[in-house]
Each structure stands twice: as C-alpha cells, then as structure tokens.
Amino acid sequence: FASRGFKFYSSLKYIFDSNVKNFDK
C-alpha cells in the first residue's frame, strides 16, 4: 500500500530461436 516512491521495470528481448512452426525472429 505505497504512498510514496515508484516502481519501474523495462525489458527488451530478442527471441532468436524456437521449435515452433513458422517461427520468425
């Protein structure tokens, strides 16, 4: 129950491989 401050989260992901059909990077 915050009354002050902040929370921040940011991510950048490169999905470069998969065994799913028709997969695109």
mmCIF file of all heavy atoms, coordinates in Angstrom:
data_MODEL
# 
_entry.id   MODEL 
# 
loop_
_atom_site.group_PDB 
_atom_site.id 
_atom_site.type_symbol 
_atom_site.label_atom_id 
_atom_site.label_alt_id 
_atom_site.label_comp_id 
_atom_site.label_asym_id 
_atom_site.label_entity_id 
_atom_site.label_seq_id 
_atom_site.pdbx_PDB_ins_code 
_atom_site.Cartn_x 
_atom_site.Cartn_y 
_atom_site.Cartn_z 
_atom_site.occupancy 
_atom_site.B_iso_or_equiv 
_atom_site.pdbx_formal_charge 
_atom_site.auth_seq_id 
_atom_site.auth_comp_id 
_atom_site.auth_asym_id 
_atom_site.auth_atom_id 
_atom_site.pdbx_PDB_model_num 
ATOM 1   N N   . PHE A 1 1  ? 0.852  -1.184  0.000   1.00 0.00 ? 1  PHE A N   1 
ATOM 2   C CA  . PHE A 1 1  ? 0.000  0.000   0.000   1.00 0.00 ? 1  PHE A CA  1 
ATOM 3   C C   . PHE A 1 1  ? 0.892  1.241   0.000   1.00 0.00 ? 1  PHE A C   1 
ATOM 4   O O   . PHE A 1 1  ? 0.919  2.009   0.963   1.00 0.00 ? 1  PHE A O   1 
ATOM 5   C CB  . PHE A 1 1  ? -0.931 0.004   1.220   1.00 0.00 ? 1  PHE A CB  1 
ATOM 6   C CG  . PHE A 1 1  ? -1.831 -1.198  1.301   1.00 0.00 ? 1  PHE A CG  1 
ATOM 7   C CD1 . PHE A 1 1  ? -1.485 -2.291  2.082   1.00 0.00 ? 1  PHE A CD1 1 
ATOM 8   C CD2 . PHE A 1 1  ? -3.017 -1.243  0.593   1.00 0.00 ? 1  PHE A CD2 1 
ATOM 9   C CE1 . PHE A 1 1  ? -2.303 -3.405  2.157   1.00 0.00 ? 1  PHE A CE1 1 
ATOM 10  C CE2 . PHE A 1 1  ? -3.847 -2.354  0.656   1.00 0.00 ? 1  PHE A CE2 1 
ATOM 11  C CZ  . PHE A 1 1  ? -3.491 -3.438  1.436   1.00 0.00 ? 1  PHE A CZ  1 
ATOM 12  N N   . ALA A 1 2  ? 1.624  1.416   -1.065  1.00 0.00 ? 2  ALA A N   1 
ATOM 13  C CA  . ALA A 1 2  ? 2.605  2.503   -1.137  1.00 0.00 ? 2  ALA A CA  1 
ATOM 14  C C   . ALA A 1 2  ? 1.908  3.858   -1.176  1.00 0.00 ? 2  ALA A C   1 
ATOM 15  O O   . ALA A 1 2  ? 0.846  4.022   -1.788  1.00 0.00 ? 2  ALA A O   1 
ATOM 16  C CB  . ALA A 1 2  ? 3.487  2.331   -2.368  1.00 0.00 ? 2  ALA A CB  1 
ATOM 17  N N   . SER A 1 3  ? 2.523  4.832   -0.523  1.00 0.00 ? 3  SER A N   1 
ATOM 18  C CA  . SER A 1 3  ? 2.064  6.223   -0.610  1.00 0.00 ? 3  SER A CA  1 
ATOM 19  C C   . SER A 1 3  ? 3.158  7.130   -1.161  1.00 0.00 ? 3  SER A C   1 
ATOM 20  O O   . SER A 1 3  ? 2.901  8.290   -1.467  1.00 0.00 ? 3  SER A O   1 
ATOM 21  C CB  . SER A 1 3  ? 1.627  6.734   0.764   1.00 0.00 ? 3  SER A CB  1 
ATOM 22  O OG  . SER A 1 3  ? 2.711  6.680   1.684   1.00 0.00 ? 3  SER A OG  1 
ATOM 23  N N   . ARG A 1 4  ? 4.375  6.597   -1.274  1.00 0.00 ? 4  ARG A N   1 
ATOM 24  C CA  . ARG A 1 4  ? 5.499  7.344   -1.835  1.00 0.00 ? 4  ARG A CA  1 
ATOM 25  C C   . ARG A 1 4  ? 6.346  6.399   -2.678  1.00 0.00 ? 4  ARG A C   1 
ATOM 26  O O   . ARG A 1 4  ? 6.357  5.196   -2.453  1.00 0.00 ? 4  ARG A O   1 
ATOM 27  C CB  . ARG A 1 4  ? 6.392  7.936   -0.737  1.00 0.00 ? 4  ARG A CB  1 
ATOM 28  C CG  . ARG A 1 4  ? 5.788  9.064   0.070   1.00 0.00 ? 4  ARG A CG  1 
ATOM 29  C CD  . ARG A 1 4  ? 6.833  9.609   1.057   1.00 0.00 ? 4  ARG A CD  1 
ATOM 30  N NE  . ARG A 1 4  ? 6.361  10.763  1.793   1.00 0.00 ? 4  ARG A NE  1 
ATOM 31  C CZ  . ARG A 1 4  ? 5.739  10.707  2.954   1.00 0.00 ? 4  ARG A CZ  1 
ATOM 32  N NH1 . ARG A 1 4  ? 5.508  9.522   3.500   1.00 0.00 ? 4  ARG A NH1 1 
ATOM 33  N NH2 . ARG A 1 4  ? 5.352  11.806  3.570   1.00 0.00 ? 4  ARG A NH2 1 
ATOM 34  N N   . GLY A 1 5  ? 7.076  6.975   -3.623  1.00 0.00 ? 5  GLY A N   1 
ATOM 35  C CA  . GLY A 1 5  ? 8.050  6.207   -4.378  1.00 0.00 ? 5  GLY A CA  1 
ATOM 36  C C   . GLY A 1 5  ? 7.493  5.628   -5.663  1.00 0.00 ? 5  GLY A C   1 
ATOM 37  O O   . GLY A 1 5  ? 6.308  5.740   -5.977  1.00 0.00 ? 5  GLY A O   1 
ATOM 38  N N   . PHE A 1 6  ? 8.363  4.980   -6.394  1.00 0.00 ? 6  PHE A N   1 
ATOM 39  C CA  . PHE A 1 6  ? 7.963  4.429   -7.680  1.00 0.00 ? 6  PHE A CA  1 
ATOM 40  C C   . PHE A 1 6  ? 8.570  3.047   -7.882  1.00 0.00 ? 6  PHE A C   1 
ATOM 41  O O   . PHE A 1 6  ? 9.553  2.661   -7.252  1.00 0.00 ? 6  PHE A O   1 
ATOM 42  C CB  . PHE A 1 6  ? 8.395  5.362   -8.827  1.00 0.00 ? 6  PHE A CB  1 
ATOM 43  C CG  . PHE A 1 6  ? 9.883  5.417   -9.046  1.00 0.00 ? 6  PHE A CG  1 
ATOM 44  C CD1 . PHE A 1 6  ? 10.509 4.558   -9.949  1.00 0.00 ? 6  PHE A CD1 1 
ATOM 45  C CD2 . PHE A 1 6  ? 10.665 6.320   -8.351  1.00 0.00 ? 6  PHE A CD2 1 
ATOM 46  C CE1 . PHE A 1 6  ? 11.875 4.599   -10.146 1.00 0.00 ? 6  PHE A CE1 1 
ATOM 47  C CE2 . PHE A 1 6  ? 12.038 6.369   -8.543  1.00 0.00 ? 6  PHE A CE2 1 
ATOM 48  C CZ  . PHE A 1 6  ? 12.647 5.509   -9.443  1.00 0.00 ? 6  PHE A CZ  1 
ATOM 49  N N   . LYS A 1 7  ? 7.961  2.313   -8.775  1.00 0.00 ? 7  LYS A N   1 
ATOM 50  C CA  . LYS A 1 7  ? 8.462  1.020   -9.216  1.00 0.00 ? 7  LYS A CA  1 
ATOM 51  C C   . LYS A 1 7  ? 8.491  1.040   -10.736 1.00 0.00 ? 7  LYS A C   1 
ATOM 52  O O   . LYS A 1 7  ? 7.512  1.434   -11.379 1.00 0.00 ? 7  LYS A O   1 
ATOM 53  C CB  . LYS A 1 7  ? 7.569  -0.113  -8.711  1.00 0.00 ? 7  LYS A CB  1 
ATOM 54  C CG  . LYS A 1 7  ? 8.031  -1.507  -9.147  1.00 0.00 ? 7  LYS A CG  1 
ATOM 55  C CD  . LYS A 1 7  ? 7.081  -2.579  -8.638  1.00 0.00 ? 7  LYS A CD  1 
ATOM 56  C CE  . LYS A 1 7  ? 7.543  -3.971  -9.067  1.00 0.00 ? 7  LYS A CE  1 
ATOM 57  N NZ  . LYS A 1 7  ? 6.610  -5.026  -8.613  1.00 0.00 ? 7  LYS A NZ  1 
ATOM 58  N N   . PHE A 1 8  ? 9.605  0.605   -11.302 1.00 0.00 ? 8  PHE A N   1 
ATOM 59  C CA  . PHE A 1 8  ? 9.762  0.643   -12.750 1.00 0.00 ? 8  PHE A CA  1 
ATOM 60  C C   . PHE A 1 8  ? 10.500 -0.606  -13.196 1.00 0.00 ? 8  PHE A C   1 
ATOM 61  O O   . PHE A 1 8  ? 11.458 -1.040  -12.558 1.00 0.00 ? 8  PHE A O   1 
ATOM 62  C CB  . PHE A 1 8  ? 10.555 1.887   -13.163 1.00 0.00 ? 8  PHE A CB  1 
ATOM 63  C CG  . PHE A 1 8  ? 10.872 1.941   -14.636 1.00 0.00 ? 8  PHE A CG  1 
ATOM 64  C CD1 . PHE A 1 8  ? 9.899  2.288   -15.554 1.00 0.00 ? 8  PHE A CD1 1 
ATOM 65  C CD2 . PHE A 1 8  ? 12.145 1.628   -15.109 1.00 0.00 ? 8  PHE A CD2 1 
ATOM 66  C CE1 . PHE A 1 8  ? 10.176 2.335   -16.912 1.00 0.00 ? 8  PHE A CE1 1 
ATOM 67  C CE2 . PHE A 1 8  ? 12.435 1.672   -16.454 1.00 0.00 ? 8  PHE A CE2 1 
ATOM 68  C CZ  . PHE A 1 8  ? 11.452 2.027   -17.368 1.00 0.00 ? 8  PHE A CZ  1 
ATOM 69  N N   . TYR A 1 9  ? 10.014 -1.192  -14.281 1.00 0.00 ? 9  TYR A N   1 
ATOM 70  C CA  . TYR A 1 9  ? 10.712 -2.332  -14.869 1.00 0.00 ? 9  TYR A CA  1 
ATOM 71  C C   . TYR A 1 9  ? 10.509 -2.289  -16.380 1.00 0.00 ? 9  TYR A C   1 
ATOM 72  O O   . TYR A 1 9  ? 9.385  -2.157  -16.869 1.00 0.00 ? 9  TYR A O   1 
ATOM 73  C CB  . TYR A 1 9  ? 10.188 -3.662  -14.328 1.00 0.00 ? 9  TYR A CB  1 
ATOM 74  C CG  . TYR A 1 9  ? 10.980 -4.852  -14.828 1.00 0.00 ? 9  TYR A CG  1 
ATOM 75  C CD1 . TYR A 1 9  ? 12.143 -5.248  -14.178 1.00 0.00 ? 9  TYR A CD1 1 
ATOM 76  C CD2 . TYR A 1 9  ? 10.578 -5.562  -15.958 1.00 0.00 ? 9  TYR A CD2 1 
ATOM 77  C CE1 . TYR A 1 9  ? 12.887 -6.334  -14.640 1.00 0.00 ? 9  TYR A CE1 1 
ATOM 78  C CE2 . TYR A 1 9  ? 11.316 -6.645  -16.425 1.00 0.00 ? 9  TYR A CE2 1 
ATOM 79  C CZ  . TYR A 1 9  ? 12.474 -7.013  -15.760 1.00 0.00 ? 9  TYR A CZ  1 
ATOM 80  O OH  . TYR A 1 9  ? 13.215 -8.069  -16.228 1.00 0.00 ? 9  TYR A OH  1 
ATOM 81  N N   . SER A 1 10 ? 11.605 -2.388  -17.103 1.00 0.00 ? 10 SER A N   1 
ATOM 82  C CA  . SER A 1 10 ? 11.537 -2.390  -18.561 1.00 0.00 ? 10 SER A CA  1 
ATOM 83  C C   . SER A 1 10 ? 12.506 -3.430  -19.095 1.00 0.00 ? 10 SER A C   1 
ATOM 84  O O   . SER A 1 10 ? 13.623 -3.577  -18.571 1.00 0.00 ? 10 SER A O   1 
ATOM 85  C CB  . SER A 1 10 ? 11.893 -1.007  -19.117 1.00 0.00 ? 10 SER A CB  1 
ATOM 86  O OG  . SER A 1 10 ? 11.832 -1.005  -20.536 1.00 0.00 ? 10 SER A OG  1 
ATOM 87  N N   . SER A 1 11 ? 12.076 -4.143  -20.132 1.00 0.00 ? 11 SER A N   1 
ATOM 88  C CA  . SER A 1 11 ? 12.936 -5.169  -20.718 1.00 0.00 ? 11 SER A CA  1 
ATOM 89  C C   . SER A 1 11 ? 12.820 -5.144  -22.237 1.00 0.00 ? 11 SER A C   1 
ATOM 90  O O   . SER A 1 11 ? 11.772 -4.795  -22.797 1.00 0.00 ? 11 SER A O   1 
ATOM 91  C CB  . SER A 1 11 ? 12.555 -6.558  -20.195 1.00 0.00 ? 11 SER A CB  1 
ATOM 92  O OG  . SER A 1 11 ? 11.259 -6.920  -20.633 1.00 0.00 ? 11 SER A OG  1 
ATOM 93  N N   . LEU A 1 12 ? 13.910 -5.499  -22.866 1.00 0.00 ? 12 LEU A N   1 
ATOM 94  C CA  . LEU A 1 12 ? 13.951 -5.674  -24.315 1.00 0.00 ? 12 LEU A CA  1 
ATOM 95  C C   . LEU A 1 12 ? 14.475 -7.074  -24.575 1.00 0.00 ? 12 LEU A C   1 
ATOM 96  O O   . LEU A 1 12 ? 15.580 -7.422  -24.137 1.00 0.00 ? 12 LEU A O   1 
ATOM 97  C CB  . LEU A 1 12 ? 14.864 -4.639  -24.960 1.00 0.00 ? 12 LEU A CB  1 
ATOM 98  C CG  . LEU A 1 12 ? 15.082 -4.798  -26.480 1.00 0.00 ? 12 LEU A CG  1 
ATOM 99  C CD1 . LEU A 1 12 ? 13.772 -4.627  -27.235 1.00 0.00 ? 12 LEU A CD1 1 
ATOM 100 C CD2 . LEU A 1 12 ? 16.142 -3.815  -26.972 1.00 0.00 ? 12 LEU A CD2 1 
ATOM 101 N N   . LYS A 1 13 ? 13.676 -7.900  -25.273 1.00 0.00 ? 13 LYS A N   1 
ATOM 102 C CA  . LYS A 1 13 ? 14.051 -9.287  -25.533 1.00 0.00 ? 13 LYS A CA  1 
ATOM 103 C C   . LYS A 1 13 ? 14.141 -9.531  -27.048 1.00 0.00 ? 13 LYS A C   1 
ATOM 104 O O   . LYS A 1 13 ? 13.299 -9.051  -27.812 1.00 0.00 ? 13 LYS A O   1 
ATOM 105 C CB  . LYS A 1 13 ? 13.032 -10.249 -24.916 1.00 0.00 ? 13 LYS A CB  1 
ATOM 106 C CG  . LYS A 1 13 ? 12.983 -10.190 -23.396 1.00 0.00 ? 13 LYS A CG  1 
ATOM 107 C CD  . LYS A 1 13 ? 12.012 -11.210 -22.818 1.00 0.00 ? 13 LYS A CD  1 
ATOM 108 C CE  . LYS A 1 13 ? 12.018 -11.174 -21.300 1.00 0.00 ? 13 LYS A CE  1 
ATOM 109 N NZ  . LYS A 1 13 ? 11.108 -12.181 -20.707 1.00 0.00 ? 13 LYS A NZ  1 
ATOM 110 N N   . TYR A 1 14 ? 15.166 -10.293 -27.406 1.00 0.00 ? 14 TYR A N   1 
ATOM 111 C CA  . TYR A 1 14 ? 15.329 -10.724 -28.800 1.00 0.00 ? 14 TYR A CA  1 
ATOM 112 C C   . TYR A 1 14 ? 15.073 -12.220 -28.838 1.00 0.00 ? 14 TYR A C   1 
ATOM 113 O O   . TYR A 1 14 ? 15.857 -13.017 -28.325 1.00 0.00 ? 14 TYR A O   1 
ATOM 114 C CB  . TYR A 1 14 ? 16.731 -10.391 -29.290 1.00 0.00 ? 14 TYR A CB  1 
ATOM 115 C CG  . TYR A 1 14 ? 17.052 -10.931 -30.673 1.00 0.00 ? 14 TYR A CG  1 
ATOM 116 C CD1 . TYR A 1 14 ? 16.156 -10.786 -31.735 1.00 0.00 ? 14 TYR A CD1 1 
ATOM 117 C CD2 . TYR A 1 14 ? 18.263 -11.582 -30.910 1.00 0.00 ? 14 TYR A CD2 1 
ATOM 118 C CE1 . TYR A 1 14 ? 16.454 -11.272 -32.997 1.00 0.00 ? 14 TYR A CE1 1 
ATOM 119 C CE2 . TYR A 1 14 ? 18.581 -12.077 -32.181 1.00 0.00 ? 14 TYR A CE2 1 
ATOM 120 C CZ  . TYR A 1 14 ? 17.669 -11.921 -33.210 1.00 0.00 ? 14 TYR A CZ  1 
ATOM 121 O OH  . TYR A 1 14 ? 17.956 -12.409 -34.468 1.00 0.00 ? 14 TYR A OH  1 
ATOM 122 N N   . ILE A 1 15 ? 13.936 -12.614 -29.405 1.00 0.00 ? 15 ILE A N   1 
ATOM 123 C CA  . ILE A 1 15 ? 13.565 -14.025 -29.479 1.00 0.00 ? 15 ILE A CA  1 
ATOM 124 C C   . ILE A 1 15 ? 14.185 -14.575 -30.761 1.00 0.00 ? 15 ILE A C   1 
ATOM 125 O O   . ILE A 1 15 ? 13.691 -14.329 -31.866 1.00 0.00 ? 15 ILE A O   1 
ATOM 126 C CB  . ILE A 1 15 ? 12.037 -14.193 -29.485 1.00 0.00 ? 15 ILE A CB  1 
ATOM 127 C CG1 . ILE A 1 15 ? 11.420 -13.414 -28.320 1.00 0.00 ? 15 ILE A CG1 1 
ATOM 128 C CG2 . ILE A 1 15 ? 11.655 -15.667 -29.388 1.00 0.00 ? 15 ILE A CG2 1 
ATOM 129 C CD1 . ILE A 1 15 ? 9.909  -13.378 -28.329 1.00 0.00 ? 15 ILE A CD1 1 
ATOM 130 N N   . PHE A 1 16 ? 15.296 -15.298 -30.602 1.00 0.00 ? 16 PHE A N   1 
ATOM 131 C CA  . PHE A 1 16 ? 16.093 -15.636 -31.780 1.00 0.00 ? 16 PHE A CA  1 
ATOM 132 C C   . PHE A 1 16 ? 15.965 -17.093 -32.227 1.00 0.00 ? 16 PHE A C   1 
ATOM 133 O O   . PHE A 1 16 ? 16.477 -17.456 -33.290 1.00 0.00 ? 16 PHE A O   1 
ATOM 134 C CB  . PHE A 1 16 ? 17.566 -15.298 -31.546 1.00 0.00 ? 16 PHE A CB  1 
ATOM 135 C CG  . PHE A 1 16 ? 18.204 -16.050 -30.418 1.00 0.00 ? 16 PHE A CG  1 
ATOM 136 C CD1 . PHE A 1 16 ? 18.759 -17.312 -30.595 1.00 0.00 ? 16 PHE A CD1 1 
ATOM 137 C CD2 . PHE A 1 16 ? 18.272 -15.488 -29.149 1.00 0.00 ? 16 PHE A CD2 1 
ATOM 138 C CE1 . PHE A 1 16 ? 19.351 -17.995 -29.565 1.00 0.00 ? 16 PHE A CE1 1 
ATOM 139 C CE2 . PHE A 1 16 ? 18.863 -16.164 -28.098 1.00 0.00 ? 16 PHE A CE2 1 
ATOM 140 C CZ  . PHE A 1 16 ? 19.413 -17.424 -28.299 1.00 0.00 ? 16 PHE A CZ  1 
ATOM 141 N N   . ASP A 1 17 ? 15.287 -17.937 -31.440 1.00 0.00 ? 17 ASP A N   1 
ATOM 142 C CA  . ASP A 1 17 ? 15.183 -19.332 -31.861 1.00 0.00 ? 17 ASP A CA  1 
ATOM 143 C C   . ASP A 1 17 ? 13.961 -19.964 -31.212 1.00 0.00 ? 17 ASP A C   1 
ATOM 144 O O   . ASP A 1 17 ? 13.573 -19.620 -30.083 1.00 0.00 ? 17 ASP A O   1 
ATOM 145 C CB  . ASP A 1 17 ? 16.444 -20.105 -31.482 1.00 0.00 ? 17 ASP A CB  1 
ATOM 146 C CG  . ASP A 1 17 ? 16.518 -21.461 -32.202 1.00 0.00 ? 17 ASP A CG  1 
ATOM 147 O OD1 . ASP A 1 17 ? 15.795 -21.638 -33.203 1.00 0.00 ? 17 ASP A OD1 1 
ATOM 148 O OD2 . ASP A 1 17 ? 17.287 -22.329 -31.755 1.00 0.00 ? 17 ASP A OD2 1 
ATOM 149 N N   . SER A 1 18 ? 13.355 -20.919 -31.914 1.00 0.00 ? 18 SER A N   1 
ATOM 150 C CA  . SER A 1 18 ? 12.202 -21.637 -31.395 1.00 0.00 ? 18 SER A CA  1 
ATOM 151 C C   . SER A 1 18 ? 11.967 -22.864 -32.260 1.00 0.00 ? 18 SER A C   1 
ATOM 152 O O   . SER A 1 18 ? 12.346 -22.905 -33.434 1.00 0.00 ? 18 SER A O   1 
ATOM 153 C CB  . SER A 1 18 ? 10.957 -20.752 -31.400 1.00 0.00 ? 18 SER A CB  1 
ATOM 154 O OG  . SER A 1 18 ? 9.822  -21.491 -30.998 1.00 0.00 ? 18 SER A OG  1 
ATOM 155 N N   . ASN A 1 19 ? 11.317 -23.872 -31.666 1.00 0.00 ? 19 ASN A N   1 
ATOM 156 C CA  . ASN A 1 19 ? 10.954 -25.055 -32.443 1.00 0.00 ? 19 ASN A CA  1 
ATOM 157 C C   . ASN A 1 19 ? 9.511  -24.985 -32.938 1.00 0.00 ? 19 ASN A C   1 
ATOM 158 O O   . ASN A 1 19 ? 8.965  -25.957 -33.433 1.00 0.00 ? 19 ASN A O   1 
ATOM 159 C CB  . ASN A 1 19 ? 11.166 -26.324 -31.612 1.00 0.00 ? 19 ASN A CB  1 
ATOM 160 C CG  . ASN A 1 19 ? 10.244 -26.372 -30.392 1.00 0.00 ? 19 ASN A CG  1 
ATOM 161 O OD1 . ASN A 1 19 ? 9.611  -25.386 -30.041 1.00 0.00 ? 19 ASN A OD1 1 
ATOM 162 N ND2 . ASN A 1 19 ? 10.181 -27.534 -29.752 1.00 0.00 ? 19 ASN A ND2 1 
ATOM 163 N N   . VAL A 1 20 ? 8.887  -23.807 -32.798 1.00 0.00 ? 20 VAL A N   1 
ATOM 164 C CA  . VAL A 1 20 ? 7.513  -23.615 -33.256 1.00 0.00 ? 20 VAL A CA  1 
ATOM 165 C C   . VAL A 1 20 ? 7.512  -23.415 -34.772 1.00 0.00 ? 20 VAL A C   1 
ATOM 166 O O   . VAL A 1 20 ? 8.370  -22.725 -35.333 1.00 0.00 ? 20 VAL A O   1 
ATOM 167 C CB  . VAL A 1 20 ? 6.891  -22.387 -32.554 1.00 0.00 ? 20 VAL A CB  1 
ATOM 168 C CG1 . VAL A 1 20 ? 5.482  -22.123 -33.088 1.00 0.00 ? 20 VAL A CG1 1 
ATOM 169 C CG2 . VAL A 1 20 ? 6.845  -22.624 -31.052 1.00 0.00 ? 20 VAL A CG2 1 
ATOM 170 N N   . LYS A 1 21 ? 6.556  -24.022 -35.458 1.00 0.00 ? 21 LYS A N   1 
ATOM 171 C CA  . LYS A 1 21 ? 6.456  -23.888 -36.908 1.00 0.00 ? 21 LYS A CA  1 
ATOM 172 C C   . LYS A 1 21 ? 6.225  -22.427 -37.291 1.00 0.00 ? 21 LYS A C   1 
ATOM 173 O O   . LYS A 1 21 ? 5.542  -21.685 -36.592 1.00 0.00 ? 21 LYS A O   1 
ATOM 174 C CB  . LYS A 1 21 ? 5.311  -24.745 -37.445 1.00 0.00 ? 21 LYS A CB  1 
ATOM 175 C CG  . LYS A 1 21 ? 5.542  -26.243 -37.318 1.00 0.00 ? 21 LYS A CG  1 
ATOM 176 C CD  . LYS A 1 21 ? 4.374  -27.022 -37.893 1.00 0.00 ? 21 LYS A CD  1 
ATOM 177 C CE  . LYS A 1 21 ? 4.608  -28.530 -37.772 1.00 0.00 ? 21 LYS A CE  1 
ATOM 178 N NZ  . LYS A 1 21 ? 3.464  -29.294 -38.333 1.00 0.00 ? 21 LYS A NZ  1 
ATOM 179 N N   . ASN A 1 22 ? 6.781  -22.032 -38.427 1.00 0.00 ? 22 ASN A N   1 
ATOM 180 C CA  . ASN A 1 22 ? 6.627  -20.681 -38.973 1.00 0.00 ? 22 ASN A CA  1 
ATOM 181 C C   . ASN A 1 22 ? 7.145  -19.604 -38.011 1.00 0.00 ? 22 ASN A C   1 
ATOM 182 O O   . ASN A 1 22 ? 6.647  -18.482 -37.987 1.00 0.00 ? 22 ASN A O   1 
ATOM 183 C CB  . ASN A 1 22 ? 5.157  -20.398 -39.311 1.00 0.00 ? 22 ASN A CB  1 
ATOM 184 C CG  . ASN A 1 22 ? 4.601  -21.401 -40.298 1.00 0.00 ? 22 ASN A CG  1 
ATOM 185 O OD1 . ASN A 1 22 ? 5.283  -21.775 -41.265 1.00 0.00 ? 22 ASN A OD1 1 
ATOM 186 N ND2 . ASN A 1 22 ? 3.374  -21.840 -40.061 1.00 0.00 ? 22 ASN A ND2 1 
ATOM 187 N N   . PHE A 1 23 ? 8.145  -19.983 -37.198 1.00 0.00 ? 23 PHE A N   1 
ATOM 188 C CA  . PHE A 1 23 ? 8.719  -19.021 -36.248 1.00 0.00 ? 23 PHE A CA  1 
ATOM 189 C C   . PHE A 1 23 ? 9.521  -17.953 -36.990 1.00 0.00 ? 23 PHE A C   1 
ATOM 190 O O   . PHE A 1 23 ? 10.276 -18.242 -37.910 1.00 0.00 ? 23 PHE A O   1 
ATOM 191 C CB  . PHE A 1 23 ? 9.619  -19.752 -35.240 1.00 0.00 ? 23 PHE A CB  1 
ATOM 192 C CG  . PHE A 1 23 ? 10.489 -18.821 -34.440 1.00 0.00 ? 23 PHE A CG  1 
ATOM 193 C CD1 . PHE A 1 23 ? 9.955  -18.076 -33.402 1.00 0.00 ? 23 PHE A CD1 1 
ATOM 194 C CD2 . PHE A 1 23 ? 11.841 -18.666 -34.747 1.00 0.00 ? 23 PHE A CD2 1 
ATOM 195 C CE1 . PHE A 1 23 ? 10.749 -17.213 -32.673 1.00 0.00 ? 23 PHE A CE1 1 
ATOM 196 C CE2 . PHE A 1 23 ? 12.636 -17.812 -34.020 1.00 0.00 ? 23 PHE A CE2 1 
ATOM 197 C CZ  . PHE A 1 23 ? 12.092 -17.083 -32.981 1.00 0.00 ? 23 PHE A CZ  1 
ATOM 198 N N   . ASP A 1 24 ? 9.350  -16.677 -36.573 1.00 0.00 ? 24 ASP A N   1 
ATOM 199 C CA  . ASP A 1 24 ? 10.153 -15.555 -37.055 1.00 0.00 ? 24 ASP A CA  1 
ATOM 200 C C   . ASP A 1 24 ? 10.923 -14.962 -35.887 1.00 0.00 ? 24 ASP A C   1 
ATOM 201 O O   . ASP A 1 24 ? 10.381 -14.832 -34.773 1.00 0.00 ? 24 ASP A O   1 
ATOM 202 C CB  . ASP A 1 24 ? 9.264  -14.461 -37.652 1.00 0.00 ? 24 ASP A CB  1 
ATOM 203 C CG  . ASP A 1 24 ? 8.752  -14.834 -39.030 1.00 0.00 ? 24 ASP A CG  1 
ATOM 204 O OD1 . ASP A 1 24 ? 9.311  -15.774 -39.628 1.00 0.00 ? 24 ASP A OD1 1 
ATOM 205 O OD2 . ASP A 1 24 ? 7.791  -14.189 -39.485 1.00 0.00 ? 24 ASP A OD2 1 
ATOM 206 N N   . LYS A 1 25 ? 12.165 -14.594 -36.125 1.00 0.00 ? 25 LYS A N   1 
ATOM 207 C CA  . LYS A 1 25 ? 12.908 -13.849 -35.114 1.00 0.00 ? 25 LYS A CA  1 
ATOM 208 C C   . LYS A 1 25 ? 12.191 -12.527 -34.855 1.00 0.00 ? 25 LYS A C   1 
ATOM 209 O O   . LYS A 1 25 ? 11.736 -11.864 -35.793 1.00 0.00 ? 25 LYS A O   1 
ATOM 210 C CB  . LYS A 1 25 ? 14.340 -13.597 -35.571 1.00 0.00 ? 25 LYS A CB  1 
ATOM 211 C CG  . LYS A 1 25 ? 15.152 -14.881 -35.749 1.00 0.00 ? 25 LYS A CG  1 
ATOM 212 C CD  . LYS A 1 25 ? 16.554 -14.581 -36.227 1.00 0.00 ? 25 LYS A CD  1 
ATOM 213 C CE  . LYS A 1 25 ? 17.340 -15.879 -36.398 1.00 0.00 ? 25 LYS A CE  1 
ATOM 214 N NZ  . LYS A 1 25 ? 18.719 -15.642 -36.890 1.00 0.00 ? 25 LYS A NZ  1 
# 
